[in-house]
Protein backbone atom coordinates (compact mmCIF):
# COMPACT_ATOMS: atom_id res chain seq x y z
CA GLU A 1 -9.59 5.37 -12.34
CA GLU A 2 -7.04 8.10 -13.08
CA ARG A 3 -4.66 5.87 -15.03
CA LEU A 4 -7.27 4.03 -17.10
CA GLN A 5 -9.84 6.84 -17.30
CA LEU A 6 -12.57 4.42 -16.25
CA GLU A 7 -15.01 4.68 -13.36
CA VAL A 8 -14.71 1.80 -10.88
CA SER A 9 -18.21 0.74 -9.89
CA LEU A 10 -17.35 -2.35 -7.81
CA LEU A 11 -14.19 -3.68 -6.17
CA SER A 12 -14.12 -7.07 -4.47
CA TYR A 13 -11.74 -9.52 -2.83
CA ARG A 14 -12.68 -13.21 -2.76
CA GLY A 15 -16.37 -12.41 -3.02
CA MET A 16 -16.32 -9.63 -0.39
CA THR A 17 -17.37 -6.21 -1.67
CA LEU A 18 -14.72 -3.64 -0.81
CA TYR A 19 -16.20 -0.72 -2.72
CA SER A 20 -19.43 -0.09 -4.56
CA THR A 21 -20.92 3.02 -6.09
CA LEU A 22 -24.17 1.87 -4.44
CA ALA A 23 -22.67 2.09 -0.93
CA PRO A 24 -23.64 5.04 1.28
CA PRO A 25 -21.40 8.08 0.66
CA ALA A 26 -20.01 7.97 4.22
CA SER A 27 -18.84 4.37 3.69
CA GLN A 28 -17.31 5.25 0.34
CA ALA A 29 -15.37 8.15 1.85
CA ARG A 30 -14.04 5.95 4.67
CA TRP A 31 -12.73 3.22 2.36
CA LEU A 32 -11.42 5.57 -0.35
CA ALA A 33 -9.10 7.25 2.15
CA MET A 34 -7.32 3.93 2.87
CA PRO A 35 -4.83 1.81 0.89
CA ILE A 36 -6.53 -1.16 -0.79
CA VAL A 37 -4.48 -3.70 1.19
CA ALA A 38 -5.66 -2.13 4.48
CA VAL A 39 -9.28 -2.33 3.32
CA VAL A 40 -8.82 -6.02 2.43
CA GLU A 41 -7.28 -6.79 5.82
CA ILE A 42 -10.15 -5.07 7.65
CA ALA A 43 -12.77 -6.79 5.49
CA CYS A 44 -11.34 -10.30 5.92
CA GLY A 45 -10.18 -9.81 9.52
CA HIS A 46 -6.54 -10.85 9.12
CA LYS A 47 -3.24 -9.93 7.48
CA VAL A 48 -2.86 -10.85 3.83
CA GLY A 49 0.06 -12.52 2.08
CA TRP A 50 2.44 -11.23 -0.58
CA THR A 51 -0.26 -10.81 -3.23
CA VAL A 52 -3.91 -9.85 -3.03
CA PRO A 53 -6.25 -10.82 -5.91
CA VAL A 54 -8.72 -8.00 -6.48
CA GLN A 55 -11.62 -8.06 -8.95
CA ALA A 56 -12.97 -4.81 -10.36
CA THR A 57 -15.98 -3.84 -12.40
CA VAL A 58 -15.78 -0.61 -14.37
CA TYR A 59 -18.31 1.42 -16.33
CA ASP A 60 -17.63 1.24 -20.08
CA GLU A 61 -19.08 4.33 -21.75
CA GLU A 62 -18.95 2.77 -25.23
CA GLN A 63 -20.97 -0.28 -24.15
CA GLU A 64 -22.99 1.79 -21.65
CA GLU A 65 -22.71 -0.94 -19.02
CA ASP A 66 -20.51 -2.28 -16.25
CA VAL A 67 -17.87 -4.77 -17.36
CA GLU A 68 -15.48 -6.92 -15.33
CA VAL A 69 -11.79 -6.38 -15.85
CA PRO A 70 -9.19 -9.13 -15.40
CA THR A 71 -8.25 -9.93 -11.81
CA VAL A 72 -5.45 -7.72 -10.55
CA LEU A 73 -2.79 -9.14 -8.21
CA LEU A 74 -1.66 -6.40 -5.86
CA ARG A 75 1.77 -6.78 -4.28
CA THR A 76 1.95 -6.11 -0.57
CA CYS A 77 4.69 -5.48 1.93
CA ALA A 78 3.95 -8.68 3.87
CA ASN A 79 6.52 -9.83 6.42
């Protein structure tokens, strides 16, 4: 959000919702305090590999709607 100046409204990994603006505030606070890779590992129940494909939806003020951004491959520190 800081780098792109866009509000993330949904973050998912392989169909699992990791973050949503519709989630209860307590859940949002819990996940936002953690690195994304840790959230993915908790959500899927196992360690992840060298890259983690994450899909995000952001709010576009010009279009006044949520839009999907290209899948982001996060690098991890896998063994």
